[in-house]
Amino acid sequence: MHILKSIPSLADKIALRIPEASHVSGLSRSKLYELIGDGKLHSVKAGGRRLILRQDLEAYLASCKEVA
């Protein structure tokens, strides 16, 4: 078994670490932390890591589209 096949791609993950969320959204890490601090983006802490559920990130970005 090839080890890379067992590692989920970003597209398969339901929860993203901050650097991953930054990469897929185009938002900076500091902007993500700001949104979390302001209560505009929900995150969870699990296993000592701050995670953003993909659906929450997508919902936040969709809300920006509606306002713009």
N, C-alpha and C. Protein backbone atom coordinates (compact mmCIF):
# COMPACT_ATOMS: atom_id res chain seq x y z
N MET A 1 0.85 -1.19 0.00
CA MET A 1 0.00 0.00 0.00
C MET A 1 0.88 1.24 0.00
N HIS A 2 0.59 2.13 -0.88
CA HIS A 2 1.34 3.38 -0.98
C HIS A 2 0.87 4.34 0.09
N ILE A 3 1.79 4.92 0.82
CA ILE A 3 1.42 5.76 1.97
C ILE A 3 0.63 7.00 1.57
N LEU A 4 0.89 7.59 0.42
CA LEU A 4 0.19 8.80 0.01
C LEU A 4 -1.28 8.55 -0.26
N LYS A 5 -1.65 7.32 -0.61
CA LYS A 5 -3.05 7.02 -0.86
C LYS A 5 -3.87 7.05 0.43
N SER A 6 -3.24 6.88 1.57
CA SER A 6 -3.97 6.87 2.83
C SER A 6 -4.12 8.26 3.44
N ILE A 7 -3.45 9.25 2.88
CA ILE A 7 -3.55 10.62 3.37
C ILE A 7 -4.67 11.33 2.63
N PRO A 8 -5.70 11.82 3.36
CA PRO A 8 -6.81 12.48 2.67
C PRO A 8 -6.37 13.80 2.04
N SER A 9 -6.91 14.09 0.86
CA SER A 9 -6.62 15.37 0.22
C SER A 9 -7.45 16.45 0.90
N LEU A 10 -7.11 17.70 0.63
CA LEU A 10 -7.88 18.81 1.21
C LEU A 10 -9.34 18.74 0.80
N ALA A 11 -9.61 18.27 -0.40
CA ALA A 11 -11.00 18.19 -0.88
C ALA A 11 -11.81 17.16 -0.10
N ASP A 12 -11.14 16.18 0.51
CA ASP A 12 -11.84 15.12 1.23
C ASP A 12 -12.05 15.45 2.71
N LYS A 13 -11.38 16.46 3.21
CA LYS A 13 -11.45 16.78 4.64
C LYS A 13 -12.72 17.54 4.98
N ILE A 14 -13.33 17.20 6.11
CA ILE A 14 -14.51 17.94 6.56
C ILE A 14 -14.11 19.05 7.51
N ALA A 15 -12.91 18.96 8.09
CA ALA A 15 -12.41 20.00 8.99
C ALA A 15 -11.00 20.37 8.55
N LEU A 16 -10.73 21.66 8.57
CA LEU A 16 -9.46 22.19 8.09
C LEU A 16 -8.70 22.91 9.19
N ARG A 17 -7.40 22.69 9.25
CA ARG A 17 -6.57 23.49 10.15
C ARG A 17 -6.47 24.89 9.55
N ILE A 18 -6.06 25.84 10.34
CA ILE A 18 -6.02 27.24 9.90
C ILE A 18 -5.20 27.40 8.61
N PRO A 19 -3.99 26.84 8.52
CA PRO A 19 -3.24 27.01 7.27
C PRO A 19 -3.95 26.40 6.05
N GLU A 20 -4.64 25.28 6.26
CA GLU A 20 -5.39 24.66 5.17
C GLU A 20 -6.58 25.53 4.77
N ALA A 21 -7.30 26.06 5.75
CA ALA A 21 -8.44 26.93 5.47
C ALA A 21 -7.97 28.19 4.74
N SER A 22 -6.82 28.69 5.12
CA SER A 22 -6.25 29.86 4.45
C SER A 22 -5.94 29.53 2.99
N HIS A 23 -5.37 28.37 2.77
CA HIS A 23 -4.99 27.95 1.42
C HIS A 23 -6.21 27.80 0.52
N VAL A 24 -7.24 27.11 0.99
CA VAL A 24 -8.40 26.85 0.13
C VAL A 24 -9.30 28.07 -0.04
N SER A 25 -9.29 28.99 0.93
CA SER A 25 -10.19 30.14 0.84
C SER A 25 -9.53 31.37 0.24
N GLY A 26 -8.21 31.45 0.32
CA GLY A 26 -7.52 32.64 -0.14
C GLY A 26 -7.45 33.73 0.92
N LEU A 27 -8.02 33.46 2.10
CA LEU A 27 -7.95 34.42 3.21
C LEU A 27 -6.66 34.18 3.99
N SER A 28 -6.10 35.24 4.54
CA SER A 28 -4.87 35.08 5.32
C SER A 28 -5.19 34.42 6.67
N ARG A 29 -4.15 33.86 7.26
CA ARG A 29 -4.31 33.25 8.58
C ARG A 29 -4.81 34.29 9.57
N SER A 30 -4.24 35.49 9.53
CA SER A 30 -4.64 36.52 10.49
C SER A 30 -6.10 36.94 10.27
N LYS A 31 -6.55 36.96 9.03
CA LYS A 31 -7.95 37.29 8.76
C LYS A 31 -8.87 36.20 9.31
N LEU A 32 -8.48 34.94 9.16
CA LEU A 32 -9.28 33.85 9.71
C LEU A 32 -9.38 33.96 11.23
N TYR A 33 -8.26 34.23 11.89
CA TYR A 33 -8.29 34.39 13.35
C TYR A 33 -9.15 35.59 13.74
N GLU A 34 -9.09 36.66 12.96
CA GLU A 34 -9.92 37.84 13.23
C GLU A 34 -11.41 37.49 13.11
N LEU A 35 -11.78 36.77 12.06
CA LEU A 35 -13.17 36.37 11.87
C LEU A 35 -13.65 35.46 12.99
N ILE A 36 -12.79 34.56 13.42
CA ILE A 36 -13.12 33.67 14.54
C ILE A 36 -13.32 34.48 15.81
N GLY A 37 -12.40 35.40 16.07
CA GLY A 37 -12.49 36.25 17.27
C GLY A 37 -13.72 37.13 17.28
N ASP A 38 -14.13 37.60 16.10
CA ASP A 38 -15.32 38.45 15.98
C ASP A 38 -16.62 37.65 15.98
N GLY A 39 -16.52 36.32 15.99
CA GLY A 39 -17.70 35.48 15.98
C GLY A 39 -18.35 35.35 14.60
N LYS A 40 -17.64 35.74 13.55
CA LYS A 40 -18.20 35.67 12.19
C LYS A 40 -17.92 34.32 11.53
N LEU A 41 -16.95 33.59 12.06
CA LEU A 41 -16.60 32.27 11.53
C LEU A 41 -16.44 31.33 12.71
N HIS A 42 -17.18 30.25 12.67
CA HIS A 42 -17.15 29.28 13.77
C HIS A 42 -15.95 28.36 13.62
N SER A 43 -15.32 28.04 14.74
CA SER A 43 -14.24 27.05 14.74
C SER A 43 -14.39 26.18 15.97
N VAL A 44 -13.69 25.06 15.96
CA VAL A 44 -13.70 24.14 17.09
C VAL A 44 -12.26 23.84 17.47
N LYS A 45 -12.07 23.45 18.71
CA LYS A 45 -10.76 23.04 19.16
C LYS A 45 -10.84 21.54 19.43
N ALA A 46 -10.02 20.78 18.73
CA ALA A 46 -10.02 19.33 18.89
C ALA A 46 -8.59 18.82 18.80
N GLY A 47 -8.21 18.01 19.74
CA GLY A 47 -6.87 17.46 19.72
C GLY A 47 -5.78 18.51 19.79
N GLY A 48 -6.08 19.61 20.46
CA GLY A 48 -5.10 20.68 20.59
C GLY A 48 -4.96 21.55 19.35
N ARG A 49 -5.83 21.34 18.38
CA ARG A 49 -5.77 22.11 17.14
C ARG A 49 -7.05 22.90 16.94
N ARG A 50 -6.91 24.07 16.37
CA ARG A 50 -8.07 24.88 15.99
C ARG A 50 -8.49 24.42 14.60
N LEU A 51 -9.74 24.01 14.46
CA LEU A 51 -10.25 23.51 13.20
C LEU A 51 -11.46 24.32 12.75
N ILE A 52 -11.57 24.47 11.46
CA ILE A 52 -12.74 25.12 10.87
C ILE A 52 -13.43 24.06 10.02
N LEU A 53 -14.70 23.82 10.30
CA LEU A 53 -15.45 22.86 9.48
C LEU A 53 -15.61 23.45 8.08
N ARG A 54 -15.40 22.61 7.09
CA ARG A 54 -15.49 23.06 5.70
C ARG A 54 -16.83 23.74 5.43
N GLN A 55 -17.92 23.17 5.97
CA GLN A 55 -19.24 23.75 5.73
C GLN A 55 -19.35 25.15 6.34
N ASP A 56 -18.69 25.41 7.48
CA ASP A 56 -18.72 26.74 8.08
C ASP A 56 -17.93 27.73 7.24
N LEU A 57 -16.80 27.31 6.70
CA LEU A 57 -16.00 28.18 5.84
C LEU A 57 -16.78 28.50 4.56
N GLU A 58 -17.40 27.49 3.98
CA GLU A 58 -18.18 27.71 2.76
C GLU A 58 -19.38 28.63 3.04
N ALA A 59 -20.02 28.45 4.18
CA ALA A 59 -21.16 29.30 4.53
C ALA A 59 -20.72 30.75 4.72
N TYR A 60 -19.58 30.95 5.39
CA TYR A 60 -19.07 32.32 5.57
C TYR A 60 -18.80 32.96 4.20
N LEU A 61 -18.11 32.24 3.33
CA LEU A 61 -17.79 32.80 2.02
C LEU A 61 -19.03 33.07 1.19
N ALA A 62 -20.04 32.21 1.30
CA ALA A 62 -21.30 32.42 0.60
C ALA A 62 -22.01 33.67 1.12
N SER A 63 -21.90 33.93 2.42
CA SER A 63 -22.54 35.13 2.98
C SER A 63 -21.85 36.40 2.48
N CYS A 64 -20.57 36.31 2.20
CA CYS A 64 -19.84 37.46 1.65
C CYS A 64 -20.31 37.76 0.24
N LYS A 65 -20.61 36.72 -0.51
CA LYS A 65 -21.08 36.88 -1.89
C LYS A 65 -22.43 37.60 -1.90
N GLU A 66 -23.28 37.27 -0.95
CA GLU A 66 -24.61 37.86 -0.89
C GLU A 66 -24.53 39.34 -0.55
N VAL A 67 -23.56 39.73 0.26
CA VAL A 67 -23.42 41.13 0.68
C VAL A 67 -22.77 41.96 -0.41
N ALA A 68 -21.82 41.39 -1.11
CA ALA A 68 -21.02 42.15 -2.09
C ALA A 68 -21.77 42.59 -3.29
